[in-house]
Amino acid sequence: MQTIDQYSFKGKKVIIRVDFNVPLDKQTFAVTDDTRIRGALPTIKKILADGGSVILMSHLGRPKGVEEKYSLRHVIGRFSDLLGREVKFADDCMGESARKMSGELKPGEVLLLENLRFYAEEEGKPRLPDTASDEEKKAARAALKPKQKEFAKQLASYADVYVNDAFGTAHRAHASTALIADSFSVENKMFGYLINSELKAMDKVLNSSEKPFTAIMGGAKVSDKIPIIENLLDRAQNLIIGGGMTYTFIKAQGGRIGKSLCEDDKLELALEILKKAGEKGVRIYLPTDAVIADAFDASANTDISKVDETPDGWMGLDIADESIKAFGEVIANSKTVLWNGPMGVFEFEKFSKGTSAIAQAVAKATENGAFSLIGGGDSVAAINRNKLADRVSYVSTGGGAMLEYMEGKELPGIKAIRG
């Protein structure tokens, strides 16, 4: 497999799939978080330094056709500032402007194409009214498939080399992440630095983790985390569970959970996970106390209760001090830490203490020699809010992609290059 460090891009036009799906201010459309843009810079700079030219393609949001609020034009100012040079813009990834501007691109120049998802061909999902029948949907998907291949071929025609550096979309079999790679020889397609670093971090955790390995799983639903939990039971020594999913496990064991979030159809599954963990020698840690509230509201009345003694009419929205201490001790004694998902309703300040405490504990363990991998929107947000990104080993840019990779699934965008 070709690598970006081995390759000389001198005189080459390179099309890079980046992830510029960044948050924008709703009024001014200014970029409010440039993390993903900064993540793409090392790959872009390597190609430019070699004497190549760069064509960038990305999606932004979930448009249903051409929508100005989802135009990648909005990111050019911030991107140009970060890159330190002018960035050209093609107002259509498929139109004459894209063909002409990519054809005229000179070494050292950078061109950004308009939002790929302005075309249904990118995702391969036909845009039909909600009233469309199953037969109509099936026919539309079949009709779109050859168009999607042509869409990928046209994108490929702009360049000599293809680089995928958008880990956040690597789990999608889209035109720009999987199909486009078919148009390039093995020697002329590769991963960028960002994807390489993501894969290196995840492979380290999955295949060569130093023990004790502690996985921290949070979030609302057990059902969202079943595959990754089952895969980790063969690898981890400790599994810490927090967030709303806690209460499915607590109720399954006969605890009182008030009106806390619970997946009643997953109670048996929760017991099976506990049983499997015991059989494999994995220690599962559930919260023992919680910050409870009388409503799902930032200004709700709060109290502390045992996690299995939640009063009627109340709900658990964060872990409390006893659980924070216990989880912190487990993390402190770990050599590998994987964290995905918050310990509570992190978006409400009143219920963010537990998640922030876990972020601090993971950073401290890292400073003491542990390898830590953080993934998932709220976990990453907690690390960033506490200014700890430079005190953990790796912060993943791909929530869904990271989960699927850690579940052991083959990601289309990775397979397209790895083979």
Protein backbone atom coordinates (compact mmCIF):
# COMPACT_ATOMS: atom_id res chain seq x y z
CA MET A 1 0.00 0.00 0.00
CA GLN A 2 1.32 3.44 -0.95
CA THR A 3 2.12 5.89 1.86
CA ILE A 4 2.11 9.67 1.77
CA ASP A 5 5.69 9.92 3.09
CA GLN A 6 7.09 7.65 0.36
CA TYR A 7 5.37 9.49 -2.47
CA SER A 8 6.72 12.52 -4.35
CA PHE A 9 3.90 14.83 -5.38
CA LYS A 10 6.08 17.05 -7.56
CA GLY A 11 4.07 18.16 -10.60
CA LYS A 12 1.04 16.09 -9.51
CA LYS A 13 -2.56 17.21 -9.11
CA VAL A 14 -3.93 15.62 -5.98
CA ILE A 15 -7.59 15.35 -5.04
CA ILE A 16 -8.05 14.99 -1.28
CA ARG A 17 -11.23 13.95 0.51
CA VAL A 18 -11.18 16.11 3.63
CA ASP A 19 -13.78 16.53 6.36
CA PHE A 20 -14.65 20.22 6.44
CA ASN A 21 -18.05 19.50 7.95
CA VAL A 22 -17.47 22.20 10.55
CA PRO A 23 -19.97 24.11 12.70
CA LEU A 24 -20.95 27.56 11.43
CA ASP A 25 -22.53 30.54 13.15
CA LYS A 26 -26.21 30.56 12.16
CA GLN A 27 -26.21 34.30 11.48
CA THR A 28 -22.81 35.09 10.00
CA PHE A 29 -21.86 31.58 8.73
CA ALA A 30 -18.41 32.07 10.31
CA VAL A 31 -16.58 28.89 11.32
CA THR A 32 -17.03 28.40 15.08
CA ASP A 33 -14.74 25.35 15.49
CA ASP A 34 -11.86 24.84 13.04
CA THR A 35 -10.54 21.57 14.53
CA ARG A 36 -11.28 19.53 11.41
CA ILE A 37 -9.72 22.10 9.11
CA ARG A 38 -6.56 22.16 11.19
CA GLY A 39 -6.50 18.36 11.11
CA ALA A 40 -6.20 18.39 7.31
CA LEU A 41 -3.32 20.88 7.14
CA PRO A 42 -0.33 18.50 7.50
CA THR A 43 -1.39 16.44 4.46
CA ILE A 44 -2.09 19.54 2.36
CA LYS A 45 1.21 21.16 3.33
CA LYS A 46 3.21 18.00 2.52
CA ILE A 47 1.79 17.90 -1.03
CA LEU A 48 2.37 21.62 -1.60
CA ALA A 49 5.92 21.40 -0.23
CA ASP A 50 6.66 18.59 -2.70
CA GLY A 51 5.58 20.83 -5.58
CA GLY A 52 2.10 19.43 -6.12
CA SER A 53 -1.28 21.14 -6.40
CA VAL A 54 -4.29 20.33 -4.26
CA ILE A 55 -7.98 19.90 -5.05
CA LEU A 56 -10.12 19.51 -1.93
CA MET A 57 -13.57 17.94 -1.73
CA SER A 58 -15.84 17.69 1.29
CA HIS A 59 -19.42 17.71 2.46
CA LEU A 60 -21.01 20.19 4.84
CA GLY A 61 -24.19 19.37 6.70
CA ARG A 62 -27.09 17.44 5.23
CA PRO A 63 -28.46 19.54 2.38
CA LYS A 64 -31.42 18.42 0.30
CA GLY A 65 -30.06 19.97 -2.88
CA VAL A 66 -28.25 23.29 -3.27
CA GLU A 67 -28.63 25.34 -0.07
CA GLU A 68 -26.56 28.48 0.55
CA LYS A 69 -26.25 27.83 4.28
CA TYR A 70 -24.37 24.61 3.46
CA SER A 71 -21.99 26.15 0.93
CA LEU A 72 -18.32 25.42 1.53
CA ARG A 73 -17.69 29.01 0.43
CA HIS A 74 -18.21 29.88 4.12
CA VAL A 75 -15.07 28.03 5.23
CA ILE A 76 -12.66 29.61 2.74
CA GLY A 77 -11.74 32.63 4.87
CA ARG A 78 -10.78 30.60 7.93
CA PHE A 79 -9.12 27.89 5.83
CA SER A 80 -7.00 30.43 3.92
CA ASP A 81 -5.89 32.02 7.20
CA LEU A 82 -4.85 28.66 8.65
CA LEU A 83 -3.09 27.54 5.48
CA GLY A 84 -1.37 30.88 4.99
CA ARG A 85 -2.19 31.19 1.29
CA GLU A 86 -5.06 31.94 -1.10
CA VAL A 87 -7.59 29.17 -1.69
CA LYS A 88 -9.49 29.11 -4.99
CA PHE A 89 -13.15 28.05 -4.99
CA ALA A 90 -15.18 26.17 -7.61
CA ASP A 91 -18.86 26.95 -7.13
CA ASP A 92 -19.91 23.48 -8.30
CA CYS A 93 -18.05 20.21 -7.76
CA MET A 94 -19.39 18.86 -11.06
CA GLY A 95 -19.78 21.93 -13.25
CA GLU A 96 -17.61 23.68 -15.78
CA SER A 97 -15.94 25.74 -13.04
CA ALA A 98 -14.60 22.60 -11.37
CA ARG A 99 -13.29 21.13 -14.64
CA LYS A 100 -11.73 24.38 -15.81
CA MET A 101 -10.22 25.43 -12.50
CA SER A 102 -8.76 22.01 -11.72
CA GLY A 103 -7.35 21.81 -15.25
CA GLU A 104 -5.62 25.19 -14.88
CA LEU A 105 -4.33 24.57 -11.36
CA LYS A 106 -0.59 25.19 -11.01
CA PRO A 107 1.90 23.64 -8.54
CA GLY A 108 1.49 25.21 -5.11
CA GLU A 109 -2.14 26.20 -5.71
CA VAL A 110 -5.17 25.00 -3.75
CA LEU A 111 -8.74 24.60 -5.02
CA LEU A 112 -11.78 23.82 -2.88
CA LEU A 113 -14.81 22.28 -4.61
CA GLU A 114 -18.37 23.11 -3.62
CA ASN A 115 -20.29 20.78 -1.26
CA LEU A 116 -20.38 17.22 -2.60
CA ARG A 117 -23.76 16.57 -1.01
CA PHE A 118 -25.43 19.15 -3.20
CA TYR A 119 -25.62 16.07 -5.46
CA ALA A 120 -27.58 12.97 -4.42
CA GLU A 121 -24.93 10.95 -6.25
CA GLU A 122 -22.40 11.54 -3.46
CA GLU A 123 -24.31 9.49 -0.88
CA GLY A 124 -26.19 7.35 -3.40
CA LYS A 125 -29.49 8.23 -1.74
CA PRO A 126 -32.30 9.40 -4.02
CA ARG A 127 -34.20 12.46 -2.86
CA LEU A 128 -37.83 11.45 -2.81
CA PRO A 129 -40.92 12.78 -1.04
CA ASP A 130 -41.88 11.09 2.21
CA THR A 131 -44.93 9.71 0.47
CA ALA A 132 -42.84 7.61 -1.97
CA SER A 133 -43.62 3.90 -1.86
CA ASP A 134 -41.04 1.19 -1.20
CA GLU A 135 -41.13 0.23 -4.87
CA GLU A 136 -40.48 3.83 -5.91
CA LYS A 137 -37.57 4.06 -3.49
CA LYS A 138 -36.10 0.81 -4.76
CA ALA A 139 -36.37 1.92 -8.39
CA ALA A 140 -34.85 5.31 -7.62
CA ARG A 141 -31.87 3.72 -5.83
CA ALA A 142 -31.26 1.41 -8.80
CA ALA A 143 -31.43 4.34 -11.23
CA LEU A 144 -29.01 6.39 -9.12
CA LYS A 145 -26.34 3.70 -8.81
CA PRO A 146 -24.74 4.12 -12.27
CA LYS A 147 -24.95 7.91 -11.89
CA GLN A 148 -23.05 7.63 -8.62
CA LYS A 149 -20.23 5.78 -10.39
CA GLU A 150 -20.08 8.47 -13.08
CA PHE A 151 -20.05 11.14 -10.37
CA ALA A 152 -17.01 9.45 -8.76
CA LYS A 153 -15.27 9.11 -12.14
CA GLN A 154 -15.67 12.80 -12.89
CA LEU A 155 -14.20 13.76 -9.51
CA ALA A 156 -11.29 11.43 -10.22
CA SER A 157 -10.74 13.00 -13.64
CA TYR A 158 -9.58 16.25 -12.03
CA ALA A 159 -6.41 14.72 -10.58
CA ASP A 160 -3.48 12.30 -10.90
CA VAL A 161 -3.54 11.11 -7.30
CA TYR A 162 -6.27 10.41 -4.72
CA VAL A 163 -5.75 10.91 -0.99
CA ASN A 164 -8.40 10.10 1.60
CA ASP A 165 -7.91 12.10 4.78
CA ALA A 166 -11.51 12.22 6.02
CA PHE A 167 -11.75 9.60 8.73
CA GLY A 168 -15.11 10.94 9.89
CA THR A 169 -16.73 9.68 6.67
CA ALA A 170 -14.64 6.53 6.13
CA HIS A 171 -17.51 4.33 7.33
CA ARG A 172 -19.71 5.52 4.46
CA ALA A 173 -19.64 3.92 1.00
CA HIS A 174 -19.94 7.30 -0.70
CA ALA A 175 -18.64 8.33 -4.10
CA SER A 176 -15.81 10.44 -2.68
CA THR A 177 -14.71 7.96 -0.01
CA ALA A 178 -14.98 4.55 -1.66
CA LEU A 179 -15.99 4.58 -5.34
CA ILE A 180 -13.48 7.22 -6.46
CA ALA A 181 -10.56 5.02 -5.41
CA ASP A 182 -11.42 2.55 -8.21
CA SER A 183 -10.24 5.14 -10.75
CA PHE A 184 -6.68 5.22 -9.38
CA SER A 185 -3.92 2.63 -9.45
CA VAL A 186 -2.57 1.22 -6.19
CA GLU A 187 0.49 3.49 -6.54
CA ASN A 188 -1.64 6.63 -6.86
CA LYS A 189 -4.07 6.33 -3.95
CA MET A 190 -3.27 6.55 -0.26
CA PHE A 191 -4.31 7.81 3.16
CA GLY A 192 -3.39 11.25 4.43
CA TYR A 193 -1.68 11.90 7.75
CA LEU A 194 -4.94 12.30 9.66
CA ILE A 195 -6.37 8.90 8.71
CA ASN A 196 -3.00 7.27 9.25
CA SER A 197 -2.82 8.64 12.78
CA GLU A 198 -6.42 7.60 13.49
CA LEU A 199 -5.77 4.03 12.34
CA LYS A 200 -2.50 3.84 14.25
CA ALA A 201 -4.20 4.94 17.49
CA MET A 202 -7.14 2.57 17.11
CA ASP A 203 -5.00 -0.40 16.06
CA LYS A 204 -2.83 0.19 19.12
CA VAL A 205 -5.87 -0.02 21.39
CA LEU A 206 -7.41 -3.01 19.60
CA ASN A 207 -4.33 -5.08 18.91
CA SER A 208 -1.47 -4.09 21.19
CA SER A 209 -2.96 -2.41 24.24
CA GLU A 210 -0.93 -2.47 27.42
CA LYS A 211 -2.80 -3.89 30.42
CA PRO A 212 -4.82 -3.00 32.39
CA PHE A 213 -7.03 -1.75 29.54
CA THR A 214 -10.07 0.24 30.68
CA ALA A 215 -12.92 1.09 28.31
CA ILE A 216 -15.29 3.89 29.37
CA MET A 217 -18.66 3.77 27.64
CA GLY A 218 -21.24 6.49 28.16
CA GLY A 219 -24.18 7.96 26.31
CA ALA A 220 -27.90 7.48 26.25
CA LYS A 221 -28.53 4.01 24.88
CA VAL A 222 -27.11 0.53 25.37
CA SER A 223 -28.31 -0.34 21.86
CA ASP A 224 -25.89 2.20 20.35
CA LYS A 225 -22.91 0.53 22.05
CA ILE A 226 -23.72 -3.21 21.90
CA PRO A 227 -21.25 -4.16 19.11
CA ILE A 228 -18.32 -2.19 20.56
CA ILE A 229 -18.96 -3.49 24.09
CA GLU A 230 -19.05 -7.08 22.84
CA ASN A 231 -15.82 -6.58 20.88
CA LEU A 232 -14.10 -4.97 23.87
CA LEU A 233 -15.04 -7.81 26.22
CA ASP A 234 -12.31 -9.83 24.48
CA ARG A 235 -9.74 -7.09 25.00
CA ALA A 236 -10.41 -4.96 28.06
CA GLN A 237 -9.91 -5.80 31.72
CA ASN A 238 -12.26 -3.05 32.95
CA LEU A 239 -15.47 -1.61 31.51
CA ILE A 240 -16.87 1.57 33.06
CA ILE A 241 -20.48 2.33 32.12
CA GLY A 242 -22.08 5.75 32.59
CA GLY A 243 -24.67 8.05 31.09
CA GLY A 244 -28.29 7.18 30.38
CA MET A 245 -27.40 3.61 29.44
CA THR A 246 -26.61 3.00 33.12
CA TYR A 247 -30.27 2.69 33.98
CA THR A 248 -30.99 -0.16 31.60
CA PHE A 249 -28.39 -2.19 33.51
CA ILE A 250 -29.71 -1.02 36.89
CA LYS A 251 -33.33 -1.88 36.09
CA ALA A 252 -32.29 -5.23 34.64
CA GLN A 253 -30.81 -6.07 38.06
CA GLY A 254 -33.96 -5.04 39.90
CA GLY A 255 -33.01 -1.49 40.87
CA ARG A 256 -35.42 1.45 41.13
CA ILE A 257 -34.73 4.03 38.42
CA GLY A 258 -37.64 6.48 38.72
CA LYS A 259 -38.24 8.02 35.32
CA SER A 260 -34.61 7.71 34.20
CA LEU A 261 -33.92 6.80 30.59
CA CYS A 262 -34.24 3.05 30.04
CA GLU A 263 -34.51 0.70 27.08
CA ASP A 264 -36.98 -1.85 28.40
CA ASP A 265 -36.47 -4.08 25.38
CA LYS A 266 -32.75 -4.35 26.18
CA LEU A 267 -32.99 -5.55 29.80
CA GLU A 268 -32.19 -9.17 28.92
CA LEU A 269 -29.31 -7.99 26.75
CA ALA A 270 -27.90 -5.98 29.65
CA LEU A 271 -27.93 -9.10 31.82
CA GLU A 272 -26.24 -11.08 29.02
CA ILE A 273 -23.46 -8.46 28.81
CA LEU A 274 -22.92 -8.66 32.56
CA LYS A 275 -22.80 -12.46 32.36
CA LYS A 276 -20.37 -12.49 29.42
CA ALA A 277 -18.12 -10.02 31.19
CA GLY A 278 -18.01 -12.26 34.25
CA GLU A 279 -17.18 -15.31 32.14
CA LYS A 280 -14.36 -13.44 30.40
CA GLY A 281 -12.97 -11.96 33.60
CA VAL A 282 -13.85 -8.37 32.66
CA ARG A 283 -14.76 -6.16 35.62
CA ILE A 284 -17.78 -3.95 34.93
CA TYR A 285 -18.15 -0.76 36.92
CA LEU A 286 -21.58 0.87 37.13
CA PRO A 287 -22.28 4.12 39.00
CA THR A 288 -23.35 3.70 42.62
CA ASP A 289 -24.71 7.23 43.12
CA ALA A 290 -26.17 9.87 40.84
CA VAL A 291 -27.19 13.48 40.53
CA ILE A 292 -30.94 13.24 40.04
CA ALA A 293 -33.42 15.83 38.76
CA ASP A 294 -37.18 16.27 38.78
CA ALA A 295 -37.17 17.24 35.09
CA PHE A 296 -34.96 17.05 32.02
CA ASP A 297 -34.13 20.73 32.23
CA ALA A 298 -31.03 22.85 32.81
CA SER A 299 -32.73 24.56 35.77
CA ALA A 300 -34.40 21.48 37.30
CA ASN A 301 -34.38 20.78 41.02
CA THR A 302 -31.60 18.35 41.91
CA ASP A 303 -30.62 15.88 44.61
CA ILE A 304 -28.25 12.95 45.15
CA SER A 305 -29.43 9.35 45.41
CA LYS A 306 -28.16 5.80 45.18
CA VAL A 307 -28.30 4.85 41.54
CA ASP A 308 -30.64 1.92 42.26
CA GLU A 309 -32.89 3.92 44.58
CA THR A 310 -34.05 6.73 42.30
CA PRO A 311 -37.34 8.12 43.67
CA ASP A 312 -40.48 8.07 41.54
CA GLY A 313 -40.75 11.16 39.36
CA TRP A 314 -36.97 11.75 39.39
CA MET A 315 -34.30 10.85 36.84
CA GLY A 316 -30.55 10.35 36.92
CA LEU A 317 -28.69 12.96 34.85
CA ASP A 318 -25.07 12.63 36.02
CA ILE A 319 -22.80 10.49 38.17
CA ALA A 320 -22.15 11.79 41.69
CA ASP A 321 -19.06 11.99 43.92
CA GLU A 322 -18.85 8.35 45.06
CA SER A 323 -18.94 7.11 41.46
CA ILE A 324 -16.52 9.82 40.29
CA LYS A 325 -14.01 8.67 42.93
CA ALA A 326 -14.40 4.96 42.12
CA PHE A 327 -14.13 5.47 38.36
CA GLY A 328 -11.15 7.78 38.85
CA GLU A 329 -9.27 5.10 40.78
CA VAL A 330 -9.84 2.52 38.04
CA ILE A 331 -8.65 4.96 35.38
CA ALA A 332 -5.59 5.94 37.45
CA ASN A 333 -4.48 2.29 37.56
CA SER A 334 -4.89 1.75 33.80
CA LYS A 335 -2.23 1.57 31.10
CA THR A 336 -4.67 1.90 28.18
CA VAL A 337 -7.89 3.96 28.24
CA LEU A 338 -10.61 4.18 25.59
CA TRP A 339 -13.36 6.72 26.24
CA ASN A 340 -16.55 7.10 24.22
CA GLY A 341 -19.62 8.85 25.56
CA PRO A 342 -20.52 11.23 28.41
CA MET A 343 -21.33 10.32 32.01
CA GLY A 344 -24.39 12.57 32.10
CA VAL A 345 -26.29 15.32 30.34
CA PHE A 346 -23.07 17.15 29.62
CA GLU A 347 -24.74 19.96 27.65
CA PHE A 348 -26.38 21.21 30.89
CA GLU A 349 -23.76 22.79 33.17
CA LYS A 350 -25.51 21.46 36.26
CA PHE A 351 -25.01 17.88 35.04
CA SER A 352 -21.54 18.14 33.50
CA LYS A 353 -19.38 17.54 36.59
CA GLY A 354 -19.10 13.77 36.12
CA THR A 355 -18.03 13.97 32.49
CA SER A 356 -15.47 16.70 33.24
CA ALA A 357 -14.11 14.64 36.14
CA ILE A 358 -13.60 11.65 33.83
CA ALA A 359 -11.81 13.94 31.34
CA GLN A 360 -9.45 15.08 34.11
CA ALA A 361 -8.87 11.50 35.26
CA VAL A 362 -8.02 10.32 31.75
CA ALA A 363 -5.58 13.21 31.30
CA LYS A 364 -3.89 12.41 34.61
CA ALA A 365 -3.57 8.72 33.72
CA THR A 366 -2.02 9.73 30.40
CA GLU A 367 0.53 11.90 32.17
CA ASN A 368 1.40 8.87 34.29
CA GLY A 369 2.14 6.76 31.20
CA ALA A 370 -1.20 5.42 29.97
CA PHE A 371 -2.20 5.52 26.29
CA SER A 372 -5.59 7.23 25.93
CA LEU A 373 -7.92 7.35 22.94
CA ILE A 374 -10.93 9.68 23.04
CA GLY A 375 -13.79 9.50 20.53
CA GLY A 376 -17.41 10.62 20.23
CA GLY A 377 -18.79 14.16 20.15
CA ASP A 378 -19.47 14.70 23.87
CA SER A 379 -16.25 13.02 25.03
CA VAL A 380 -14.23 15.16 22.62
CA ALA A 381 -16.21 18.25 23.69
CA ALA A 382 -15.41 17.49 27.33
CA ILE A 383 -11.70 17.15 26.56
CA ASN A 384 -11.72 20.43 24.62
CA ARG A 385 -13.85 22.33 27.15
CA ASN A 386 -11.42 21.35 29.90
CA LYS A 387 -8.46 22.26 27.64
CA LEU A 388 -7.02 18.75 27.85
CA ALA A 389 -6.52 17.87 24.17
CA ASP A 390 -2.74 18.12 24.52
CA ARG A 391 -2.77 16.02 27.69
CA VAL A 392 -4.32 12.86 26.22
CA SER A 393 -2.73 10.55 23.65
CA TYR A 394 -5.21 10.87 20.80
CA VAL A 395 -8.52 12.61 20.14
CA SER A 396 -10.38 11.00 17.25
CA THR A 397 -12.10 13.12 14.60
CA GLY A 398 -14.57 10.40 13.66
CA GLY A 399 -17.38 9.51 16.06
CA GLY A 400 -19.37 7.01 13.99
CA ALA A 401 -16.34 5.83 12.03
CA MET A 402 -14.35 5.23 15.20
CA LEU A 403 -17.20 3.26 16.76
CA GLU A 404 -17.55 1.02 13.71
CA TYR A 405 -13.81 0.44 13.45
CA MET A 406 -13.61 -0.43 17.15
CA GLU A 407 -16.55 -2.79 16.64
CA GLY A 408 -14.37 -4.70 14.19
CA LYS A 409 -16.24 -3.63 11.07
CA GLU A 410 -14.56 -3.06 7.73
CA LEU A 411 -14.95 0.59 6.74
CA PRO A 412 -15.60 1.19 2.99
CA GLY A 413 -13.30 4.23 2.84
CA ILE A 414 -10.46 2.24 4.43
CA LYS A 415 -10.99 -0.91 2.38
CA ALA A 416 -10.97 1.13 -0.85
CA ILE A 417 -7.30 1.91 -0.26
CA ARG A 418 -6.08 -0.95 1.89
CA GLY A 419 -7.79 -3.50 -0.35
